[in-house]
Structures are given as structure tokens and as C-alpha cells.
Amino acid sequence: MREFVVDLTNVATYADFVAAFNVGFCESCKGHWHGQSWDAFHDYLSWPEEERFRLVFKGWEGCCGLQAEDRRMVCKILADNPHVEVVFA
């Protein structure tokens, strides 16, 4: 199973989260998320050619770049994509 690692270790702002997601995931899919829409975040999860893949959020617990509502939105979107195996590391 292909694995993508989004390193949130030094993420302190929402913009940092967007940048980390781009580096760890979107760029591998030849894309770039601007962070202006959660719908676009959702759409990117269908871009890899693999039917299933693993998405690892390294440093999720210590990440202070997402407010509580943003964390809930990320988790809801990930839950709505059963083809994505999610690891919060």
C-alpha cells in the first residue's frame, strides 16, 4: 500500500498545515491545495491512482496549527473517504 507522510511536527499555523499537506501529499499527486476550501481537501484524497493508500499525519497530537473546528473537519473528511487508511502518529 502506498504511504504518504504529512509532517506536522513544526506546524504552528493553518498556513503551515496547508504547506505540510502540499509537501507530504498533494505534490506527489501533481497538485497544490491553496487551503481556501475543505471541499478541495476532500477532492485531493481521490487523486492518487491507487484504490487504497495510507495517509500518515506525523506530529498530529502536538500540532497547534489547527483550531478545534479545523481538526474536526479534517477528521470528518478523512472518515468520509474509506479508501484512505489514516494514521495519526
PDB file of N, CA and C in Angstrom:
ATOM      1  N   MET A   1       0.857  -1.173   0.000  1.00  0.00           N
ATOM      2  CA  MET A   1       0.000   0.000   0.000  1.00  0.00           C
ATOM      3  C   MET A   1       0.903   1.235   0.000  1.00  0.00           C
ATOM      4  N   ARG A   2       0.615   2.163  -0.878  1.00  0.00           N
ATOM      5  CA  ARG A   2       1.392   3.402  -0.947  1.00  0.00           C
ATOM      6  C   ARG A   2       1.104   4.248   0.288  1.00  0.00           C
ATOM      7  N   GLU A   3       2.147   4.888   0.794  1.00  0.00           N
ATOM      8  CA  GLU A   3       2.021   5.683   2.010  1.00  0.00           C
ATOM      9  C   GLU A   3       2.509   7.107   1.766  1.00  0.00           C
ATOM     10  N   PHE A   4       1.750   8.056   2.256  1.00  0.00           N
ATOM     11  CA  PHE A   4       2.102   9.468   2.199  1.00  0.00           C
ATOM     12  C   PHE A   4       2.240   9.966   3.633  1.00  0.00           C
ATOM     13  N   VAL A   5       3.310  10.689   3.927  1.00  0.00           N
ATOM     14  CA  VAL A   5       3.540  11.208   5.271  1.00  0.00           C
ATOM     15  C   VAL A   5       3.444  12.727   5.247  1.00  0.00           C
ATOM     16  N   VAL A   6       2.520  13.242   6.044  1.00  0.00           N
ATOM     17  CA  VAL A   6       2.359  14.681   6.213  1.00  0.00           C
ATOM     18  C   VAL A   6       2.971  15.021   7.565  1.00  0.00           C
ATOM     19  N   ASP A   7       4.106  15.705   7.539  1.00  0.00           N
ATOM     20  CA  ASP A   7       4.845  16.009   8.761  1.00  0.00           C
ATOM     21  C   ASP A   7       4.334  17.317   9.378  1.00  0.00           C
ATOM     22  N   LEU A   8       3.663  17.184  10.508  1.00  0.00           N
ATOM     23  CA  LEU A   8       3.080  18.335  11.195  1.00  0.00           C
ATOM     24  C   LEU A   8       3.920  18.763  12.399  1.00  0.00           C
ATOM     25  N   THR A   9       5.129  18.257  12.483  1.00  0.00           N
ATOM     26  CA  THR A   9       5.978  18.468  13.655  1.00  0.00           C
ATOM     27  C   THR A   9       6.145  19.944  14.019  1.00  0.00           C
ATOM     28  N   ASN A  10       6.411  20.801  13.078  1.00  0.00           N
ATOM     29  CA  ASN A  10       6.636  22.223  13.369  1.00  0.00           C
ATOM     30  C   ASN A  10       5.505  23.120  12.879  1.00  0.00           C
ATOM     31  N   VAL A  11       4.339  22.561  12.702  1.00  0.00           N
ATOM     32  CA  VAL A  11       3.208  23.322  12.189  1.00  0.00           C
ATOM     33  C   VAL A  11       2.602  24.171  13.309  1.00  0.00           C
ATOM     34  N   ALA A  12       2.606  25.487  13.106  1.00  0.00           N
ATOM     35  CA  ALA A  12       2.111  26.412  14.122  1.00  0.00           C
ATOM     36  C   ALA A  12       0.910  27.229  13.653  1.00  0.00           C
ATOM     37  N   THR A  13       0.623  27.210  12.344  1.00  0.00           N
ATOM     38  CA  THR A  13      -0.490  27.986  11.794  1.00  0.00           C
ATOM     39  C   THR A  13      -1.249  27.136  10.773  1.00  0.00           C
ATOM     40  N   TYR A  14      -2.417  27.629  10.415  1.00  0.00           N
ATOM     41  CA  TYR A  14      -3.197  26.959   9.377  1.00  0.00           C
ATOM     42  C   TYR A  14      -2.414  26.925   8.064  1.00  0.00           C
ATOM     43  N   ALA A  15      -1.740  28.036   7.737  1.00  0.00           N
ATOM     44  CA  ALA A  15      -0.935  28.089   6.508  1.00  0.00           C
ATOM     45  C   ALA A  15       0.175  27.036   6.546  1.00  0.00           C
ATOM     46  N   ASP A  16       0.762  26.808   7.709  1.00  0.00           N
ATOM     47  CA  ASP A  16       1.775  25.755   7.861  1.00  0.00           C
ATOM     48  C   ASP A  16       1.165  24.378   7.592  1.00  0.00           C
ATOM     49  N   PHE A  17      -0.071  24.161   8.076  1.00  0.00           N
ATOM     50  CA  PHE A  17      -0.754  22.885   7.837  1.00  0.00           C
ATOM     51  C   PHE A  17      -0.956  22.676   6.337  1.00  0.00           C
ATOM     52  N   VAL A  18      -1.424  23.708   5.658  1.00  0.00           N
ATOM     53  CA  VAL A  18      -1.643  23.628   4.212  1.00  0.00           C
ATOM     54  C   VAL A  18      -0.329  23.302   3.502  1.00  0.00           C
ATOM     55  N   ALA A  19       0.743  23.976   3.885  1.00  0.00           N
ATOM     56  CA  ALA A  19       2.054  23.734   3.268  1.00  0.00           C
ATOM     57  C   ALA A  19       2.520  22.301   3.521  1.00  0.00           C
ATOM     58  N   ALA A  20       2.336  21.810   4.736  1.00  0.00           N
ATOM     59  CA  ALA A  20       2.746  20.440   5.063  1.00  0.00           C
ATOM     60  C   ALA A  20       1.932  19.421   4.274  1.00  0.00           C
ATOM     61  N   PHE A  21       0.649  19.661   4.098  1.00  0.00           N
ATOM     62  CA  PHE A  21      -0.200  18.751   3.330  1.00  0.00           C
ATOM     63  C   PHE A  21       0.226  18.751   1.859  1.00  0.00           C
ATOM     64  N   ASN A  22       0.577  19.915   1.351  1.00  0.00           N
ATOM     65  CA  ASN A  22       1.057  20.000  -0.029  1.00  0.00           C
ATOM     66  C   ASN A  22       2.343  19.204  -0.216  1.00  0.00           C
ATOM     67  N   VAL A  23       3.304  19.388   0.684  1.00  0.00           N
ATOM     68  CA  VAL A  23       4.591  18.696   0.572  1.00  0.00           C
ATOM     69  C   VAL A  23       4.426  17.188   0.752  1.00  0.00           C
ATOM     70  N   GLY A  24       3.663  16.791   1.762  1.00  0.00           N
ATOM     71  CA  GLY A  24       3.540  15.371   2.070  1.00  0.00           C
ATOM     72  C   GLY A  24       2.584  14.592   1.193  1.00  0.00           C
ATOM     73  N   PHE A  25       1.658  15.294   0.555  1.00  0.00           N
ATOM     74  CA  PHE A  25       0.630  14.572  -0.205  1.00  0.00           C
ATOM     75  C   PHE A  25       0.378  15.153  -1.597  1.00  0.00           C
ATOM     76  N   CYS A  26      -0.088  16.373  -1.666  1.00  0.00           N
ATOM     77  CA  CYS A  26      -0.551  16.942  -2.946  1.00  0.00           C
ATOM     78  C   CYS A  26       0.512  16.953  -4.034  1.00  0.00           C
ATOM     79  N   GLU A  27       1.739  17.322  -3.677  1.00  0.00           N
ATOM     80  CA  GLU A  27       2.791  17.384  -4.692  1.00  0.00           C
ATOM     81  C   GLU A  27       3.070  16.017  -5.309  1.00  0.00           C
ATOM     82  N   SER A  28       2.858  14.949  -4.532  1.00  0.00           N
ATOM     83  CA  SER A  28       3.027  13.596  -5.065  1.00  0.00           C
ATOM     84  C   SER A  28       1.965  13.264  -6.103  1.00  0.00           C
ATOM     85  N   CYS A  29       0.858  13.979  -6.036  1.00  0.00           N
ATOM     86  CA  CYS A  29      -0.261  13.768  -6.954  1.00  0.00           C
ATOM     87  C   CYS A  29      -0.301  14.845  -8.033  1.00  0.00           C
ATOM     88  N   LYS A  30       0.784  15.619  -8.133  1.00  0.00           N
ATOM     89  CA  LYS A  30       0.899  16.691  -9.121  1.00  0.00           C
ATOM     90  C   LYS A  30      -0.143  17.784  -8.909  1.00  0.00           C
ATOM     91  N   GLY A  31      -0.406  18.081  -7.634  1.00  0.00           N
ATOM     92  CA  GLY A  31      -1.385  19.116  -7.331  1.00  0.00           C
ATOM     93  C   GLY A  31      -0.866  20.089  -6.298  1.00  0.00           C
ATOM     94  N   HIS A  32      -1.710  21.052  -5.972  1.00  0.00           N
ATOM     95  CA  HIS A  32      -1.383  22.048  -4.961  1.00  0.00           C
ATOM     96  C   HIS A  32      -2.686  22.560  -4.364  1.00  0.00           C
ATOM     97  N   TRP A  33      -2.847  22.323  -3.054  1.00  0.00           N
ATOM     98  CA  TRP A  33      -4.032  22.794  -2.344  1.00  0.00           C
ATOM     99  C   TRP A  33      -3.745  24.193  -1.822  1.00  0.00           C
ATOM    100  N   HIS A  34      -4.628  25.134  -2.092  1.00  0.00           N
ATOM    101  CA  HIS A  34      -4.447  26.511  -1.654  1.00  0.00           C
ATOM    102  C   HIS A  34      -4.991  26.746  -0.248  1.00  0.00           C
ATOM    103  N   GLY A  35      -5.739  25.776   0.286  1.00  0.00           N
ATOM    104  CA  GLY A  35      -6.241  25.889   1.644  1.00  0.00           C
ATOM    105  C   GLY A  35      -7.487  26.727   1.795  1.00  0.00           C
ATOM    106  N   GLN A  36      -8.079  27.129   0.703  1.00  0.00           N
ATOM    107  CA  GLN A  36      -9.241  28.010   0.770  1.00  0.00           C
ATOM    108  C   GLN A  36     -10.556  27.255   0.873  1.00  0.00           C
ATOM    109  N   SER A  37     -10.506  25.939   0.708  1.00  0.00           N
ATOM    110  CA  SER A  37     -11.742  25.166   0.700  1.00  0.00           C
ATOM    111  C   SER A  37     -11.511  23.763   1.241  1.00  0.00           C
ATOM    112  N   TRP A  38     -12.353  23.366   2.198  1.00  0.00           N
ATOM    113  CA  TRP A  38     -12.273  21.984   2.685  1.00  0.00           C
ATOM    114  C   TRP A  38     -12.763  21.014   1.609  1.00  0.00           C
ATOM    115  N   ASP A  39     -13.616  21.488   0.693  1.00  0.00           N
ATOM    116  CA  ASP A  39     -14.053  20.640  -0.416  1.00  0.00           C
ATOM    117  C   ASP A  39     -12.858  20.231  -1.276  1.00  0.00           C
ATOM    118  N   ALA A  40     -11.939  21.146  -1.498  1.00  0.00           N
ATOM    119  CA  ALA A  40     -10.745  20.831  -2.284  1.00  0.00           C
ATOM    120  C   ALA A  40      -9.870  19.820  -1.540  1.00  0.00           C
ATOM    121  N   PHE A  41      -9.729  19.972  -0.221  1.00  0.00           N
ATOM    122  CA  PHE A  41      -9.000  18.995   0.595  1.00  0.00           C
ATOM    123  C   PHE A  41      -9.605  17.607   0.376  1.00  0.00           C
ATOM    124  N   HIS A  42     -10.918  17.537   0.444  1.00  0.00           N
ATOM    125  CA  HIS A  42     -11.647  16.281   0.217  1.00  0.00           C
ATOM    126  C   HIS A  42     -11.360  15.729  -1.174  1.00  0.00           C
ATOM    127  N   ASP A  43     -11.416  16.583  -2.174  1.00  0.00           N
ATOM    128  CA  ASP A  43     -11.204  16.151  -3.556  1.00  0.00           C
ATOM    129  C   ASP A  43      -9.806  15.572  -3.772  1.00  0.00           C
ATOM    130  N   TYR A  44      -8.806  16.169  -3.150  1.00  0.00           N
ATOM    131  CA  TYR A  44      -7.435  15.667  -3.323  1.00  0.00           C
ATOM    132  C   TYR A  44      -7.283  14.233  -2.852  1.00  0.00           C
ATOM    133  N   LEU A  45      -8.100  13.812  -1.921  1.00  0.00           N
ATOM    134  CA  LEU A  45      -7.987  12.439  -1.411  1.00  0.00           C
ATOM    135  C   LEU A  45      -8.350  11.394  -2.459  1.00  0.00           C
ATOM    136  N   SER A  46      -8.930  11.811  -3.571  1.00  0.00           N
ATOM    137  CA  SER A  46      -9.258  10.869  -4.642  1.00  0.00           C
ATOM    138  C   SER A  46      -8.257  10.947  -5.792  1.00  0.00           C
ATOM    139  N   TRP A  47      -7.214  11.764  -5.677  1.00  0.00           N
ATOM    140  CA  TRP A  47      -6.268  11.957  -6.769  1.00  0.00           C
ATOM    141  C   TRP A  47      -5.277  10.825  -6.982  1.00  0.00           C
ATOM    142  N   PRO A  48      -4.750  10.168  -5.939  1.00  0.00           N
ATOM    143  CA  PRO A  48      -3.776   9.094  -6.216  1.00  0.00           C
ATOM    144  C   PRO A  48      -4.385   8.009  -7.084  1.00  0.00           C
ATOM    145  N   GLU A  49      -3.548   7.385  -7.885  1.00  0.00           N
ATOM    146  CA  GLU A  49      -4.023   6.331  -8.780  1.00  0.00           C
ATOM    147  C   GLU A  49      -4.408   5.065  -8.025  1.00  0.00           C
ATOM    148  N   GLU A  50      -3.827   4.867  -6.859  1.00  0.00           N
ATOM    149  CA  GLU A  50      -4.117   3.670  -6.073  1.00  0.00           C
ATOM    150  C   GLU A  50      -5.551   3.699  -5.554  1.00  0.00           C
ATOM    151  N   GLU A  51      -6.162   2.514  -5.524  1.00  0.00           N
ATOM    152  CA  GLU A  51      -7.516   2.431  -4.981  1.00  0.00           C
ATOM    153  C   GLU A  51      -7.520   2.708  -3.490  1.00  0.00           C
ATOM    154  N   ARG A  52      -6.476   2.234  -2.796  1.00  0.00           N
ATOM    155  CA  ARG A  52      -6.325   2.456  -1.351  1.00  0.00           C
ATOM    156  C   ARG A  52      -4.919   2.976  -1.088  1.00  0.00           C
ATOM    157  N   PHE A  53      -4.798   3.822  -0.095  1.00  0.00           N
ATOM    158  CA  PHE A  53      -3.483   4.300   0.303  1.00  0.00           C
ATOM    159  C   PHE A  53      -3.521   4.696   1.773  1.00  0.00           C
ATOM    160  N   ARG A  54      -2.333   4.853   2.339  1.00  0.00           N
ATOM    161  CA  ARG A  54      -2.197   5.234   3.743  1.00  0.00           C
ATOM    162  C   ARG A  54      -1.727   6.686   3.816  1.00  0.00           C
ATOM    163  N   LEU A  55      -2.356   7.445   4.697  1.00  0.00           N
ATOM    164  CA  LEU A  55      -2.001   8.835   4.929  1.00  0.00           C
ATOM    165  C   LEU A  55      -1.605   8.972   6.397  1.00  0.00           C
ATOM    166  N   VAL A  56      -0.329   9.258   6.633  1.00  0.00           N
ATOM    167  CA  VAL A  56       0.203   9.362   7.990  1.00  0.00           C
ATOM    168  C   VAL A  56       0.365  10.838   8.344  1.00  0.00           C
ATOM    169  N   PHE A  57      -0.275  11.249   9.424  1.00  0.00           N
ATOM    170  CA  PHE A  57      -0.120  12.600   9.937  1.00  0.00           C
ATOM    171  C   PHE A  57       0.850  12.533  11.111  1.00  0.00           C
ATOM    172  N   LYS A  58       2.122  12.763  10.819  1.00  0.00           N
ATOM    173  CA  LYS A  58       3.180  12.714  11.830  1.00  0.00           C
ATOM    174  C   LYS A  58       3.128  13.998  12.667  1.00  0.00           C
ATOM    175  N   GLY A  59       3.055  13.842  13.985  1.00  0.00           N
ATOM    176  CA  GLY A  59       3.008  15.000  14.867  1.00  0.00           C
ATOM    177  C   GLY A  59       1.615  15.574  15.066  1.00  0.00           C
ATOM    178  N   TRP A  60       0.582  14.807  14.764  1.00  0.00           N
ATOM    179  CA  TRP A  60      -0.809  15.275  14.869  1.00  0.00           C
ATOM    180  C   TRP A  60      -1.132  15.796  16.272  1.00  0.00           C
ATOM    181  N   GLU A  61      -0.758  15.048  17.304  1.00  0.00           N
ATOM    182  CA  GLU A  61      -1.106  15.429  18.669  1.00  0.00           C
ATOM    183  C   GLU A  61      -0.472  16.753  19.085  1.00  0.00           C
ATOM    184  N   GLY A  62       0.738  17.022  18.661  1.00  0.00           N
ATOM    185  CA  GLY A  62       1.417  18.254  19.040  1.00  0.00           C
ATOM    186  C   GLY A  62       1.190  19.413  18.096  1.00  0.00           C
ATOM    187  N   CYS A  63       0.433  19.182  17.052  1.00  0.00           N
ATOM    188  CA  CYS A  63       0.203  20.220  16.036  1.00  0.00           C
ATOM    189  C   CYS A  63      -0.721  21.304  16.597  1.00  0.00           C
ATOM    190  N   CYS A  64      -0.228  22.516  16.656  1.00  0.00           N
ATOM    191  CA  CYS A  64      -1.056  23.622  17.162  1.00  0.00           C
ATOM    192  C   CYS A  64      -1.529  24.525  16.031  1.00  0.00           C
ATOM    193  N   GLY A  65      -1.341  24.095  14.796  1.00  0.00           N
ATOM    194  CA  GLY A  65      -1.713  24.907  13.646  1.00  0.00           C
ATOM    195  C   GLY A  65      -3.164  24.789  13.224  1.00  0.00           C
ATOM    196  N   LEU A  66      -3.906  23.910  13.880  1.00  0.00           N
ATOM    197  CA  LEU A  66      -5.319  23.743  13.544  1.00  0.00           C
ATOM    198  C   LEU A  66      -6.179  24.017  14.775  1.00  0.00           C
ATOM    199  N   GLN A  67      -7.186  24.826  14.602  1.00  0.00           N
ATOM    200  CA  GLN A  67      -8.156  25.057  15.665  1.00  0.00           C
ATOM    201  C   GLN A  67      -9.027  23.804  15.808  1.00  0.00           C
ATOM    202  N   ALA A  68      -9.752  23.697  16.893  1.00  0.00           N
ATOM    203  CA  ALA A  68     -10.577  22.518  17.166  1.00  0.00           C
ATOM    204  C   ALA A  68     -11.548  22.229  16.019  1.00  0.00           C
ATOM    205  N   GLU A  69     -12.178  23.261  15.483  1.00  0.00           N
ATOM    206  CA  GLU A  69     -13.140  23.059  14.388  1.00  0.00           C
ATOM    207  C   GLU A  69     -12.441  22.526  13.133  1.00  0.00           C
ATOM    208  N   ASP A  70     -11.246  23.022  12.852  1.00  0.00           N
ATOM    209  CA  ASP A  70     -10.483  22.526  11.704  1.00  0.00           C
ATOM    210  C   ASP A  70     -10.092  21.064  11.903  1.00  0.00           C
ATOM    211  N   ARG A  71      -9.695  20.698  13.110  1.00  0.00           N
ATOM    212  CA  ARG A  71      -9.361  19.296  13.407  1.00  0.00           C
ATOM    213  C   ARG A  71     -10.573  18.397  13.173  1.00  0.00           C
ATOM    214  N   ARG A  72     -11.728  18.851  13.654  1.00  0.00           N
ATOM    215  CA  ARG A  72     -12.965  18.068  13.444  1.00  0.00           C
ATOM    216  C   ARG A  72     -13.257  17.919  11.956  1.00  0.00           C
ATOM    217  N   MET A  73     -13.052  18.988  11.191  1.00  0.00           N
ATOM    218  CA  MET A  73     -13.329  18.940   9.748  1.00  0.00           C
ATOM    219  C   MET A  73     -12.386  17.962   9.055  1.00  0.00           C
ATOM    220  N   VAL A  74     -11.099  18.016   9.383  1.00  0.00           N
ATOM    221  CA  VAL A  74     -10.139  17.075   8.797  1.00  0.00           C
ATOM    222  C   VAL A  74     -10.563  15.642   9.111  1.00  0.00           C
ATOM    223  N   CYS A  75     -10.889  15.374  10.364  1.00  0.00           N
ATOM    224  CA  CYS A  75     -11.280  14.011  10.758  1.00  0.00           C
ATOM    225  C   CYS A  75     -12.564  13.567  10.060  1.00  0.00           C
ATOM    226  N   LYS A  76     -13.536  14.481   9.915  1.00  0.00           N
ATOM    227  CA  LYS A  76     -14.789  14.136   9.224  1.00  0.00           C
ATOM    228  C   LYS A  76     -14.516  13.803   7.759  1.00  0.00           C
ATOM    229  N   ILE A  77     -13.721  14.621   7.104  1.00  0.00           N
ATOM    230  CA  ILE A  77     -13.411  14.383   5.691  1.00  0.00           C
ATOM    231  C   ILE A  77     -12.675  13.062   5.525  1.00  0.00           C
ATOM    232  N   LEU A  78     -11.725  12.791   6.390  1.00  0.00           N
ATOM    233  CA  LEU A  78     -10.986  11.531   6.306  1.00  0.00           C
ATOM    234  C   LEU A  78     -11.922  10.342   6.538  1.00  0.00           C
ATOM    235  N   ALA A  79     -12.842  10.468   7.480  1.00  0.00           N
ATOM    236  CA  ALA A  79     -13.796   9.393   7.750  1.00  0.00           C
ATOM    237  C   ALA A  79     -14.720   9.148   6.561  1.00  0.00           C
ATOM    238  N   ASP A  80     -14.970  10.183   5.771  1.00  0.00           N
ATOM    239  CA  ASP A  80     -15.825  10.067   4.590  1.00  0.00           C
ATOM    240  C   ASP A  80     -15.104   9.450   3.391  1.00  0.00           C
ATOM    241  N   ASN A  81     -13.848   9.074   3.568  1.00  0.00           N
ATOM    242  CA  ASN A  81     -13.033   8.501   2.493  1.00  0.00           C
ATOM    243  C   ASN A  81     -12.470   7.157   2.936  1.00  0.00           C
ATOM    244  N   PRO A  82     -13.287   6.112   2.884  1.00  0.00           N
ATOM    245  CA  PRO A  82     -12.866   4.804   3.395  1.00  0.00           C
ATOM    246  C   PRO A  82     -11.693   4.176   2.641  1.00  0.00           C
ATOM    247  N   HIS A  83     -11.360   4.703   1.480  1.00  0.00           N
ATOM    248  CA  HIS A  83     -10.217   4.185   0.724  1.00  0.00           C
ATOM    249  C   HIS A  83      -8.883   4.702   1.282  1.00  0.00           C
ATOM    250  N   VAL A  84      -8.961   5.633   2.245  1.00  0.00           N
ATOM    251  CA  VAL A  84      -7.774   6.209   2.853  1.00  0.00           C
ATOM    252  C   VAL A  84      -7.594   5.600   4.245  1.00  0.00           C
ATOM    253  N   GLU A  85      -6.496   4.908   4.442  1.00  0.00           N
ATOM    254  CA  GLU A  85      -6.158   4.423   5.782  1.00  0.00           C
ATOM    255  C   GLU A  85      -5.392   5.550   6.454  1.00  0.00           C
ATOM    256  N   VAL A  86      -5.890   6.030   7.577  1.00  0.00           N
ATOM    257  CA  VAL A  86      -5.309   7.190   8.247  1.00  0.00           C
ATOM    258  C   VAL A  86      -4.587   6.747   9.512  1.00  0.00           C
ATOM    259  N   VAL A  87      -3.385   7.297   9.686  1.00  0.00           N
ATOM    260  CA  VAL A  87      -2.598   7.058  10.886  1.00  0.00           C
ATOM    261  C   VAL A  87      -2.258   8.406  11.481  1.00  0.00           C
ATOM    262  N   PHE A  88      -2.658   8.622  12.728  1.00  0.00           N
ATOM    263  CA  PHE A  88      -2.281   9.835  13.442  1.00  0.00           C
ATOM    264  C   PHE A  88      -1.109   9.453  14.342  1.00  0.00           C
ATOM    265  N   ALA A  89       0.086   9.840  13.931  1.00  0.00           N
ATOM    266  CA  ALA A  89       1.296   9.426  14.645  1.00  0.00           C
ATOM    267  C   ALA A  89       1.874  10.564  15.456  1.00  0.00           C
TER     268      ALA A  89
END
